[in-house]
Amino acid sequence: MSFMSYSFDIIGVAPVIEFFQHQQQIEISPRRSRAFLGSYHCTLDGFIEATEMVHRRPNWNWDAVINAIVAFWLEYGDHVHRWKAELEHADSDSVVVARVANVAWLRDEFETLFEN
């Protein structure tokens, strides 16, 4: 298996039901380029645990995904604090949402957009 790199970014705060519905739509494709994680707590542990909750997990190197999450946490502490504050001010039925992307698969997806 070739080396795969992954990206991680916190993208917002959303009501649980909206997050769940969006996640179900995305999970239809087993070779999707991205997955969305939701956590009730804007913590490193919360997002690592959320990787286990991806219902139809794509065939990715999930240890590398966790490494990408940790790297983000170490590099973008100010970003994390901003979203933590947003979550604290949101309704109690909200989660902080992050996107994990398989960079190679995402690149392939974009390239197919321009092939015709």
N, C-alpha and C. Protein backbone atom coordinates (compact mmCIF):
# COMPACT_ATOMS: atom_id res chain seq x y z
N MET A 1 0.84 -1.17 0.00
CA MET A 1 0.00 0.00 0.00
C MET A 1 0.89 1.24 0.00
N SER A 2 0.57 2.19 -0.84
CA SER A 2 1.37 3.40 -0.92
C SER A 2 1.07 4.32 0.27
N PHE A 3 2.00 5.22 0.50
CA PHE A 3 1.87 6.18 1.58
C PHE A 3 0.69 7.10 1.31
N MET A 4 -0.16 7.25 2.29
CA MET A 4 -1.30 8.15 2.16
C MET A 4 -1.17 9.24 3.20
N SER A 5 -1.43 10.47 2.77
CA SER A 5 -1.44 11.56 3.74
C SER A 5 -2.88 12.03 3.94
N TYR A 6 -3.10 12.60 5.08
CA TYR A 6 -4.43 13.01 5.48
C TYR A 6 -4.38 14.43 6.00
N SER A 7 -5.48 15.13 5.83
CA SER A 7 -5.59 16.47 6.40
C SER A 7 -6.75 16.46 7.39
N PHE A 8 -6.66 17.33 8.36
CA PHE A 8 -7.70 17.46 9.39
C PHE A 8 -7.92 18.95 9.61
N ASP A 9 -9.18 19.33 9.76
CA ASP A 9 -9.50 20.72 10.07
C ASP A 9 -10.84 20.77 10.77
N ILE A 10 -10.94 21.62 11.76
CA ILE A 10 -12.22 21.87 12.41
C ILE A 10 -12.96 22.87 11.53
N ILE A 11 -14.22 22.57 11.20
CA ILE A 11 -14.93 23.41 10.24
C ILE A 11 -16.16 24.10 10.80
N GLY A 12 -16.60 23.76 11.99
CA GLY A 12 -17.77 24.45 12.51
C GLY A 12 -18.43 23.77 13.68
N VAL A 13 -19.55 24.37 14.07
CA VAL A 13 -20.40 23.83 15.12
C VAL A 13 -21.79 23.67 14.50
N ALA A 14 -22.42 22.53 14.75
CA ALA A 14 -23.72 22.26 14.14
C ALA A 14 -24.61 21.48 15.10
N PRO A 15 -25.92 21.61 14.94
CA PRO A 15 -26.82 20.75 15.72
C PRO A 15 -26.56 19.28 15.37
N VAL A 16 -26.69 18.42 16.36
CA VAL A 16 -26.40 17.00 16.17
C VAL A 16 -27.19 16.41 15.01
N ILE A 17 -28.45 16.71 14.91
CA ILE A 17 -29.29 16.10 13.87
C ILE A 17 -28.81 16.50 12.48
N GLU A 18 -28.42 17.76 12.28
CA GLU A 18 -27.90 18.19 10.98
C GLU A 18 -26.58 17.49 10.65
N PHE A 19 -25.72 17.38 11.65
CA PHE A 19 -24.44 16.69 11.45
C PHE A 19 -24.69 15.23 11.06
N PHE A 20 -25.57 14.57 11.79
CA PHE A 20 -25.86 13.16 11.53
C PHE A 20 -26.40 12.97 10.12
N GLN A 21 -27.34 13.81 9.69
CA GLN A 21 -27.91 13.69 8.35
C GLN A 21 -26.85 13.90 7.27
N HIS A 22 -26.00 14.90 7.46
CA HIS A 22 -24.93 15.16 6.48
C HIS A 22 -23.95 13.99 6.43
N GLN A 23 -23.58 13.49 7.60
CA GLN A 23 -22.64 12.38 7.67
C GLN A 23 -23.20 11.15 6.95
N GLN A 24 -24.49 10.87 7.10
CA GLN A 24 -25.10 9.73 6.44
C GLN A 24 -25.05 9.86 4.92
N GLN A 25 -25.24 11.06 4.41
CA GLN A 25 -25.17 11.28 2.96
C GLN A 25 -23.77 11.06 2.43
N ILE A 26 -22.77 11.52 3.16
CA ILE A 26 -21.38 11.39 2.74
C ILE A 26 -20.91 9.93 2.79
N GLU A 27 -21.41 9.17 3.76
CA GLU A 27 -20.92 7.81 3.96
C GLU A 27 -21.42 6.80 2.95
N ILE A 28 -22.22 7.23 2.00
CA ILE A 28 -22.73 6.31 0.98
C ILE A 28 -21.59 5.69 0.18
N SER A 29 -20.57 6.49 -0.13
CA SER A 29 -19.47 6.01 -0.96
C SER A 29 -18.32 5.46 -0.10
N PRO A 30 -17.95 4.19 -0.28
CA PRO A 30 -16.85 3.63 0.51
C PRO A 30 -15.48 4.18 0.08
N ARG A 31 -15.40 4.78 -1.12
CA ARG A 31 -14.13 5.35 -1.59
C ARG A 31 -14.19 6.87 -1.59
N ARG A 32 -14.90 7.41 -0.64
CA ARG A 32 -15.00 8.87 -0.54
C ARG A 32 -13.68 9.45 -0.09
N SER A 33 -13.46 10.69 -0.46
CA SER A 33 -12.18 11.34 -0.16
C SER A 33 -12.16 11.99 1.22
N ARG A 34 -13.32 12.08 1.86
CA ARG A 34 -13.35 12.77 3.15
C ARG A 34 -14.39 12.12 4.07
N ALA A 35 -14.19 12.38 5.35
CA ALA A 35 -15.13 11.93 6.37
C ALA A 35 -15.29 13.09 7.35
N PHE A 36 -16.43 13.13 8.00
CA PHE A 36 -16.70 14.19 8.96
C PHE A 36 -16.81 13.58 10.35
N LEU A 37 -16.21 14.27 11.31
CA LEU A 37 -16.21 13.82 12.69
C LEU A 37 -16.96 14.84 13.53
N GLY A 38 -17.75 14.37 14.46
CA GLY A 38 -18.46 15.27 15.37
C GLY A 38 -18.14 14.89 16.80
N SER A 39 -17.98 15.91 17.65
CA SER A 39 -17.67 15.66 19.05
C SER A 39 -18.41 16.67 19.92
N TYR A 40 -18.90 16.18 21.05
CA TYR A 40 -19.56 17.07 22.01
C TYR A 40 -18.54 17.92 22.77
N HIS A 41 -17.27 17.53 22.68
CA HIS A 41 -16.20 18.25 23.37
C HIS A 41 -15.10 18.57 22.36
N CYS A 42 -14.67 19.81 22.35
CA CYS A 42 -13.60 20.22 21.43
C CYS A 42 -12.26 19.87 22.08
N THR A 43 -11.98 18.56 22.10
CA THR A 43 -10.74 18.07 22.70
C THR A 43 -10.09 17.09 21.74
N LEU A 44 -8.80 16.91 21.90
CA LEU A 44 -8.08 15.94 21.09
C LEU A 44 -8.68 14.55 21.29
N ASP A 45 -8.90 14.16 22.54
CA ASP A 45 -9.49 12.85 22.82
C ASP A 45 -10.87 12.70 22.19
N GLY A 46 -11.65 13.78 22.21
CA GLY A 46 -13.00 13.73 21.62
C GLY A 46 -12.96 13.41 20.14
N PHE A 47 -12.02 14.02 19.42
CA PHE A 47 -11.94 13.74 17.98
C PHE A 47 -11.31 12.39 17.68
N ILE A 48 -10.37 11.97 18.50
CA ILE A 48 -9.80 10.63 18.30
C ILE A 48 -10.90 9.58 18.51
N GLU A 49 -11.70 9.75 19.55
CA GLU A 49 -12.82 8.83 19.78
C GLU A 49 -13.83 8.90 18.64
N ALA A 50 -14.03 10.08 18.07
CA ALA A 50 -14.99 10.24 16.97
C ALA A 50 -14.59 9.44 15.74
N THR A 51 -13.30 9.16 15.56
CA THR A 51 -12.89 8.35 14.40
C THR A 51 -13.50 6.96 14.48
N GLU A 52 -13.76 6.48 15.69
CA GLU A 52 -14.37 5.16 15.87
C GLU A 52 -15.86 5.18 15.53
N MET A 53 -16.46 6.37 15.49
CA MET A 53 -17.90 6.49 15.27
C MET A 53 -18.25 6.64 13.79
N VAL A 54 -17.26 6.70 12.92
CA VAL A 54 -17.55 6.78 11.48
C VAL A 54 -18.14 5.42 11.11
N HIS A 55 -19.42 5.44 10.77
CA HIS A 55 -20.18 4.19 10.59
C HIS A 55 -19.60 3.32 9.49
N ARG A 56 -19.44 3.87 8.30
CA ARG A 56 -18.87 3.12 7.17
C ARG A 56 -17.48 3.68 6.91
N ARG A 57 -16.53 3.18 7.66
CA ARG A 57 -15.17 3.71 7.58
C ARG A 57 -14.52 3.36 6.26
N PRO A 58 -14.00 4.37 5.56
CA PRO A 58 -13.27 4.06 4.32
C PRO A 58 -11.98 3.28 4.65
N ASN A 59 -11.44 2.64 3.65
CA ASN A 59 -10.23 1.84 3.82
C ASN A 59 -9.01 2.77 3.84
N TRP A 60 -8.83 3.45 4.97
CA TRP A 60 -7.73 4.39 5.17
C TRP A 60 -6.80 3.86 6.23
N ASN A 61 -5.65 4.48 6.35
CA ASN A 61 -4.72 4.20 7.44
C ASN A 61 -5.17 5.08 8.61
N TRP A 62 -5.97 4.52 9.50
CA TRP A 62 -6.56 5.32 10.58
C TRP A 62 -5.53 5.75 11.62
N ASP A 63 -4.41 5.06 11.72
CA ASP A 63 -3.32 5.55 12.59
C ASP A 63 -2.76 6.85 12.01
N ALA A 64 -2.63 6.92 10.69
CA ALA A 64 -2.15 8.16 10.05
C ALA A 64 -3.18 9.27 10.20
N VAL A 65 -4.47 8.94 10.17
CA VAL A 65 -5.51 9.94 10.41
C VAL A 65 -5.35 10.53 11.81
N ILE A 66 -5.16 9.68 12.79
CA ILE A 66 -4.98 10.16 14.17
C ILE A 66 -3.72 11.01 14.28
N ASN A 67 -2.66 10.64 13.57
CA ASN A 67 -1.45 11.47 13.55
C ASN A 67 -1.73 12.85 12.98
N ALA A 68 -2.58 12.92 11.94
CA ALA A 68 -2.94 14.21 11.36
C ALA A 68 -3.74 15.06 12.35
N ILE A 69 -4.61 14.41 13.13
CA ILE A 69 -5.38 15.13 14.15
C ILE A 69 -4.44 15.69 15.21
N VAL A 70 -3.52 14.88 15.67
CA VAL A 70 -2.56 15.32 16.70
C VAL A 70 -1.70 16.47 16.17
N ALA A 71 -1.22 16.34 14.93
CA ALA A 71 -0.40 17.40 14.34
C ALA A 71 -1.18 18.71 14.26
N PHE A 72 -2.44 18.64 13.87
CA PHE A 72 -3.29 19.83 13.83
C PHE A 72 -3.39 20.45 15.22
N TRP A 73 -3.62 19.61 16.21
CA TRP A 73 -3.78 20.09 17.59
C TRP A 73 -2.53 20.82 18.07
N LEU A 74 -1.38 20.30 17.71
CA LEU A 74 -0.12 20.92 18.14
C LEU A 74 0.17 22.21 17.40
N GLU A 75 -0.23 22.28 16.13
CA GLU A 75 0.11 23.44 15.31
C GLU A 75 -0.91 24.58 15.36
N TYR A 76 -2.16 24.25 15.58
CA TYR A 76 -3.22 25.25 15.47
C TYR A 76 -4.02 25.41 16.76
N GLY A 77 -3.33 25.58 17.86
CA GLY A 77 -3.98 25.75 19.16
C GLY A 77 -4.96 26.91 19.21
N ASP A 78 -4.64 28.01 18.53
CA ASP A 78 -5.54 29.16 18.52
C ASP A 78 -6.85 28.83 17.81
N HIS A 79 -6.76 28.05 16.76
CA HIS A 79 -7.94 27.60 16.02
C HIS A 79 -8.81 26.71 16.91
N VAL A 80 -8.17 25.81 17.63
CA VAL A 80 -8.88 24.90 18.54
C VAL A 80 -9.61 25.71 19.62
N HIS A 81 -8.93 26.69 20.20
CA HIS A 81 -9.55 27.50 21.26
C HIS A 81 -10.75 28.28 20.73
N ARG A 82 -10.65 28.76 19.51
CA ARG A 82 -11.77 29.49 18.90
C ARG A 82 -13.00 28.60 18.78
N TRP A 83 -12.81 27.38 18.28
CA TRP A 83 -13.95 26.48 18.12
C TRP A 83 -14.46 25.96 19.45
N LYS A 84 -13.57 25.82 20.42
CA LYS A 84 -14.00 25.42 21.76
C LYS A 84 -14.95 26.48 22.33
N ALA A 85 -14.61 27.76 22.15
CA ALA A 85 -15.46 28.86 22.62
C ALA A 85 -16.78 28.87 21.87
N GLU A 86 -16.75 28.64 20.56
CA GLU A 86 -17.98 28.59 19.76
C GLU A 86 -18.92 27.49 20.27
N LEU A 87 -18.34 26.33 20.56
CA LEU A 87 -19.14 25.21 21.05
C LEU A 87 -19.75 25.53 22.41
N GLU A 88 -18.99 26.19 23.28
CA GLU A 88 -19.51 26.55 24.60
C GLU A 88 -20.71 27.50 24.51
N HIS A 89 -20.77 28.31 23.47
CA HIS A 89 -21.86 29.26 23.30
C HIS A 89 -23.02 28.70 22.46
N ALA A 90 -22.87 27.52 21.93
CA ALA A 90 -23.90 26.91 21.08
C ALA A 90 -24.93 26.19 21.96
N ASP A 91 -26.02 25.79 21.33
CA ASP A 91 -27.04 25.00 22.02
C ASP A 91 -26.44 23.71 22.55
N SER A 92 -27.05 23.16 23.58
CA SER A 92 -26.53 21.95 24.19
C SER A 92 -26.60 20.73 23.28
N ASP A 93 -27.42 20.79 22.23
CA ASP A 93 -27.52 19.66 21.30
C ASP A 93 -26.62 19.85 20.08
N SER A 94 -25.54 20.58 20.25
CA SER A 94 -24.61 20.84 19.15
C SER A 94 -23.31 20.07 19.33
N VAL A 95 -22.63 19.87 18.21
CA VAL A 95 -21.31 19.24 18.21
C VAL A 95 -20.35 20.11 17.42
N VAL A 96 -19.08 19.99 17.73
CA VAL A 96 -18.07 20.65 16.91
C VAL A 96 -17.71 19.64 15.81
N VAL A 97 -17.61 20.14 14.58
CA VAL A 97 -17.46 19.27 13.41
C VAL A 97 -16.09 19.48 12.78
N ALA A 98 -15.48 18.37 12.41
CA ALA A 98 -14.19 18.42 11.73
C ALA A 98 -14.26 17.57 10.46
N ARG A 99 -13.38 17.90 9.54
CA ARG A 99 -13.28 17.15 8.28
C ARG A 99 -11.90 16.50 8.21
N VAL A 100 -11.89 15.23 7.87
CA VAL A 100 -10.65 14.51 7.61
C VAL A 100 -10.68 14.16 6.13
N ALA A 101 -9.59 14.41 5.44
CA ALA A 101 -9.54 14.10 4.01
C ALA A 101 -8.33 13.24 3.69
N ASN A 102 -8.55 12.30 2.81
CA ASN A 102 -7.48 11.50 2.23
C ASN A 102 -6.98 12.33 1.06
N VAL A 103 -5.81 12.89 1.17
CA VAL A 103 -5.31 13.86 0.20
C VAL A 103 -5.22 13.27 -1.21
N ALA A 104 -4.74 12.06 -1.33
CA ALA A 104 -4.62 11.44 -2.67
C ALA A 104 -5.99 11.22 -3.30
N TRP A 105 -6.93 10.72 -2.53
CA TRP A 105 -8.27 10.47 -3.07
C TRP A 105 -8.96 11.79 -3.41
N LEU A 106 -8.74 12.82 -2.60
CA LEU A 106 -9.32 14.13 -2.87
C LEU A 106 -8.76 14.70 -4.17
N ARG A 107 -7.45 14.55 -4.37
CA ARG A 107 -6.81 15.00 -5.61
C ARG A 107 -7.40 14.28 -6.81
N ASP A 108 -7.58 12.96 -6.69
CA ASP A 108 -8.19 12.18 -7.78
C ASP A 108 -9.61 12.66 -8.08
N GLU A 109 -10.34 12.97 -7.03
CA GLU A 109 -11.70 13.45 -7.18
C GLU A 109 -11.73 14.78 -7.95
N PHE A 110 -10.83 15.68 -7.60
CA PHE A 110 -10.76 16.97 -8.28
C PHE A 110 -10.33 16.81 -9.74
N GLU A 111 -9.38 15.92 -10.00
CA GLU A 111 -8.89 15.72 -11.37
C GLU A 111 -10.00 15.19 -12.27
N THR A 112 -10.89 14.35 -11.74
CA THR A 112 -11.98 13.84 -12.57
C THR A 112 -12.97 14.93 -12.94
N LEU A 113 -13.02 16.00 -12.20
CA LEU A 113 -13.90 17.11 -12.52
C LEU A 113 -13.50 17.79 -13.83
N PHE A 114 -12.20 17.72 -14.16
CA PHE A 114 -11.67 18.44 -15.32
C PHE A 114 -11.35 17.53 -16.50
N GLU A 115 -11.75 16.28 -16.46
CA GLU A 115 -11.38 15.33 -17.50
C GLU A 115 -12.25 15.39 -18.74
N ASN A 116 -13.29 16.07 -18.76
CA ASN A 116 -14.15 16.06 -19.95
C ASN A 116 -13.98 17.26 -20.75
